[in-house]
Amino acid sequence: MDLILFFLEVAGGFFMGAIVFSVVILPFFYGVPMSLFWGFKGRVRFSAAVRYAFAPLIWLFIFTVVSFALFFFLPSLGYHLAKSNAFNGGFLAGFFLTLFRAFSISGRSDLREDFWSAMEKYRR
């Protein structure tokens, strides 16, 4: 039973780390600066930066509310996950694997394509 719990914690942490990086960190550190850069160059409107900053803020709010709800309604589970090396290791593994994927050649190409497809309605 402990082995199953261990693998569930690692998988859950991995999933959470990858999701947090993809929907919060990456848009803040890639999408917003790129939209500002192309805004100053005149290729997109400056409202594109607001578009890129709005979605990660909503996701950050959702993650914060879910975390507080977890600690309020299920405090033993929340404290267990907070102290779990398996969950935290899985979180870091998912976070860094997604980070390394973003820096790969195909990852940068995907980011560029996703950025310009999101900027279609903000182009000048």
C-alpha atoms as a PDB file:
ATOM      1  CA  MET A   1       0.000   0.000   0.000  1.00  0.00           C
ATOM      2  CA  ASP A   2       2.854   2.361   0.778  1.00  0.00           C
ATOM      3  CA  LEU A   3       4.349   1.792  -2.670  1.00  0.00           C
ATOM      4  CA  ILE A   4       1.050   2.658  -4.367  1.00  0.00           C
ATOM      5  CA  LEU A   5       0.745   5.803  -2.252  1.00  0.00           C
ATOM      6  CA  PHE A   6       4.326   6.732  -3.125  1.00  0.00           C
ATOM      7  CA  PHE A   7       3.705   6.417  -6.869  1.00  0.00           C
ATOM      8  CA  LEU A   8       0.437   8.366  -6.610  1.00  0.00           C
ATOM      9  CA  GLU A   9       2.206  11.175  -4.769  1.00  0.00           C
ATOM     10  CA  VAL A  10       5.042  11.287  -7.302  1.00  0.00           C
ATOM     11  CA  ALA A  11       2.613  11.246 -10.245  1.00  0.00           C
ATOM     12  CA  GLY A  12       0.381  13.897  -8.663  1.00  0.00           C
ATOM     13  CA  GLY A  13       3.362  16.107  -7.875  1.00  0.00           C
ATOM     14  CA  PHE A  14       4.762  15.651 -11.379  1.00  0.00           C
ATOM     15  CA  PHE A  15       1.426  16.625 -12.907  1.00  0.00           C
ATOM     16  CA  MET A  16       1.066  19.674 -10.644  1.00  0.00           C
ATOM     17  CA  GLY A  17       4.624  20.833 -11.323  1.00  0.00           C
ATOM     18  CA  ALA A  18       4.158  20.588 -15.077  1.00  0.00           C
ATOM     19  CA  ILE A  19       0.793  22.375 -14.957  1.00  0.00           C
ATOM     20  CA  VAL A  20       2.026  25.195 -12.702  1.00  0.00           C
ATOM     21  CA  PHE A  21       5.014  25.801 -14.953  1.00  0.00           C
ATOM     22  CA  SER A  22       2.935  25.677 -18.127  1.00  0.00           C
ATOM     23  CA  VAL A  23       0.060  27.936 -17.106  1.00  0.00           C
ATOM     24  CA  VAL A  24       1.676  30.337 -14.605  1.00  0.00           C
ATOM     25  CA  ILE A  25       5.461  30.596 -14.895  1.00  0.00           C
ATOM     26  CA  LEU A  26       5.911  30.269 -18.646  1.00  0.00           C
ATOM     27  CA  PRO A  27       3.350  32.932 -19.641  1.00  0.00           C
ATOM     28  CA  PHE A  28       4.804  35.402 -17.123  1.00  0.00           C
ATOM     29  CA  PHE A  29       8.415  34.912 -18.158  1.00  0.00           C
ATOM     30  CA  TYR A  30       7.940  34.260 -21.877  1.00  0.00           C
ATOM     31  CA  GLY A  31       4.594  35.573 -23.117  1.00  0.00           C
ATOM     32  CA  VAL A  32       4.468  38.930 -21.340  1.00  0.00           C
ATOM     33  CA  PRO A  33       8.053  39.959 -22.232  1.00  0.00           C
ATOM     34  CA  MET A  34       7.566  38.820 -25.836  1.00  0.00           C
ATOM     35  CA  SER A  35       4.319  40.739 -26.169  1.00  0.00           C
ATOM     36  CA  LEU A  36       5.965  43.854 -24.727  1.00  0.00           C
ATOM     37  CA  PHE A  37       8.959  43.442 -27.045  1.00  0.00           C
ATOM     38  CA  TRP A  38       6.783  43.095 -30.137  1.00  0.00           C
ATOM     39  CA  GLY A  39       4.577  45.904 -28.823  1.00  0.00           C
ATOM     40  CA  PHE A  40       7.563  48.262 -28.770  1.00  0.00           C
ATOM     41  CA  LYS A  41       8.545  47.051 -32.244  1.00  0.00           C
ATOM     42  CA  GLY A  42       5.029  47.854 -33.465  1.00  0.00           C
ATOM     43  CA  ARG A  43       3.973  44.352 -34.564  1.00  0.00           C
ATOM     44  CA  VAL A  44       1.310  43.886 -31.875  1.00  0.00           C
ATOM     45  CA  ARG A  45      -0.795  46.194 -29.734  1.00  0.00           C
ATOM     46  CA  PHE A  46       0.210  46.753 -26.125  1.00  0.00           C
ATOM     47  CA  SER A  47      -3.042  45.196 -24.938  1.00  0.00           C
ATOM     48  CA  ALA A  48      -1.434  41.860 -25.841  1.00  0.00           C
ATOM     49  CA  ALA A  49       0.672  42.066 -22.667  1.00  0.00           C
ATOM     50  CA  VAL A  50      -2.505  42.407 -20.606  1.00  0.00           C
ATOM     51  CA  ARG A  51      -3.932  39.362 -22.379  1.00  0.00           C
ATOM     52  CA  TYR A  52      -0.864  37.339 -21.497  1.00  0.00           C
ATOM     53  CA  ALA A  53      -0.776  38.558 -17.883  1.00  0.00           C
ATOM     54  CA  PHE A  54      -4.492  38.011 -17.200  1.00  0.00           C
ATOM     55  CA  ALA A  55      -4.688  34.240 -17.729  1.00  0.00           C
ATOM     56  CA  PRO A  56      -1.742  33.295 -15.451  1.00  0.00           C
ATOM     57  CA  LEU A  57      -3.135  35.534 -12.721  1.00  0.00           C
ATOM     58  CA  ILE A  58      -6.444  33.680 -12.898  1.00  0.00           C
ATOM     59  CA  TRP A  59      -4.647  30.316 -12.750  1.00  0.00           C
ATOM     60  CA  LEU A  60      -2.542  31.519  -9.818  1.00  0.00           C
ATOM     61  CA  PHE A  61      -5.731  32.577  -8.027  1.00  0.00           C
ATOM     62  CA  ILE A  62      -7.319  29.171  -8.730  1.00  0.00           C
ATOM     63  CA  PHE A  63      -4.275  27.284  -7.400  1.00  0.00           C
ATOM     64  CA  THR A  64      -4.214  29.475  -4.295  1.00  0.00           C
ATOM     65  CA  VAL A  65      -7.917  28.946  -3.590  1.00  0.00           C
ATOM     66  CA  VAL A  66      -7.599  25.180  -4.095  1.00  0.00           C
ATOM     67  CA  SER A  67      -4.580  25.081  -1.758  1.00  0.00           C
ATOM     68  CA  PHE A  68      -6.402  27.021   0.952  1.00  0.00           C
ATOM     69  CA  ALA A  69      -9.492  24.843   0.499  1.00  0.00           C
ATOM     70  CA  LEU A  70      -7.347  21.715   0.798  1.00  0.00           C
ATOM     71  CA  PHE A  71      -5.825  22.919   4.077  1.00  0.00           C
ATOM     72  CA  PHE A  72      -9.203  24.096   5.380  1.00  0.00           C
ATOM     73  CA  PHE A  73     -11.370  21.085   4.493  1.00  0.00           C
ATOM     74  CA  LEU A  74      -8.758  18.298   4.520  1.00  0.00           C
ATOM     75  CA  PRO A  75      -5.944  19.554   6.765  1.00  0.00           C
ATOM     76  CA  SER A  76      -4.366  16.146   7.330  1.00  0.00           C
ATOM     77  CA  LEU A  77      -4.057  15.569   3.565  1.00  0.00           C
ATOM     78  CA  GLY A  78      -2.721  19.076   3.020  1.00  0.00           C
ATOM     79  CA  TYR A  79      -0.049  18.706   5.692  1.00  0.00           C
ATOM     80  CA  HIS A  80       0.831  15.219   4.453  1.00  0.00           C
ATOM     81  CA  LEU A  81       1.374  16.495   0.901  1.00  0.00           C
ATOM     82  CA  ALA A  82       3.285  19.539   2.136  1.00  0.00           C
ATOM     83  CA  LYS A  83       5.720  17.315   4.053  1.00  0.00           C
ATOM     84  CA  SER A  84       5.822  14.509   1.469  1.00  0.00           C
ATOM     85  CA  ASN A  85       9.197  14.140  -0.205  1.00  0.00           C
ATOM     86  CA  ALA A  86       7.566  12.054  -2.942  1.00  0.00           C
ATOM     87  CA  PHE A  87       5.023  14.766  -3.836  1.00  0.00           C
ATOM     88  CA  ASN A  88       7.596  17.577  -3.662  1.00  0.00           C
ATOM     89  CA  GLY A  89      10.134  15.563  -5.658  1.00  0.00           C
ATOM     90  CA  GLY A  90       7.516  14.804  -8.293  1.00  0.00           C
ATOM     91  CA  PHE A  91       6.548  18.484  -8.370  1.00  0.00           C
ATOM     92  CA  LEU A  92      10.152  19.540  -8.941  1.00  0.00           C
ATOM     93  CA  ALA A  93      10.665  16.817 -11.556  1.00  0.00           C
ATOM     94  CA  GLY A  94       7.577  17.940 -13.487  1.00  0.00           C
ATOM     95  CA  PHE A  95       8.587  21.575 -13.155  1.00  0.00           C
ATOM     96  CA  PHE A  96      12.150  21.055 -14.376  1.00  0.00           C
ATOM     97  CA  LEU A  97      11.238  18.594 -17.115  1.00  0.00           C
ATOM     98  CA  THR A  98       8.805  21.145 -18.522  1.00  0.00           C
ATOM     99  CA  LEU A  99      11.464  23.842 -18.120  1.00  0.00           C
ATOM    100  CA  PHE A 100      14.025  21.801 -20.040  1.00  0.00           C
ATOM    101  CA  ARG A 101      11.427  21.026 -22.703  1.00  0.00           C
ATOM    102  CA  ALA A 102      10.773  24.757 -23.095  1.00  0.00           C
ATOM    103  CA  PHE A 103      14.482  25.360 -23.749  1.00  0.00           C
ATOM    104  CA  SER A 104      14.818  22.605 -26.336  1.00  0.00           C
ATOM    105  CA  ILE A 105      14.758  23.444 -30.039  1.00  0.00           C
ATOM    106  CA  SER A 106      11.337  21.904 -30.610  1.00  0.00           C
ATOM    107  CA  GLY A 107      10.040  23.466 -27.393  1.00  0.00           C
ATOM    108  CA  ARG A 108      11.101  26.963 -28.460  1.00  0.00           C
ATOM    109  CA  SER A 109       9.495  26.376 -31.840  1.00  0.00           C
ATOM    110  CA  ASP A 110       6.246  25.311 -30.149  1.00  0.00           C
ATOM    111  CA  LEU A 111       6.360  28.348 -27.861  1.00  0.00           C
ATOM    112  CA  ARG A 112       6.874  30.672 -30.821  1.00  0.00           C
ATOM    113  CA  GLU A 113       3.971  29.104 -32.753  1.00  0.00           C
ATOM    114  CA  ASP A 114       1.679  29.234 -29.714  1.00  0.00           C
ATOM    115  CA  PHE A 115       2.645  32.848 -29.055  1.00  0.00           C
ATOM    116  CA  TRP A 116       1.885  34.015 -32.579  1.00  0.00           C
ATOM    117  CA  SER A 117      -1.358  32.058 -32.771  1.00  0.00           C
ATOM    118  CA  ALA A 118      -2.465  33.757 -29.533  1.00  0.00           C
ATOM    119  CA  MET A 119      -1.379  37.149 -30.889  1.00  0.00           C
ATOM    120  CA  GLU A 120      -3.388  36.859 -34.131  1.00  0.00           C
ATOM    121  CA  LYS A 121      -6.093  39.276 -33.022  1.00  0.00           C
ATOM    122  CA  TYR A 122      -3.550  41.738 -31.573  1.00  0.00           C
ATOM    123  CA  ARG A 123      -1.428  42.095 -34.700  1.00  0.00           C
ATOM    124  CA  ARG A 124      -1.176  45.440 -36.408  1.00  0.00           C
END
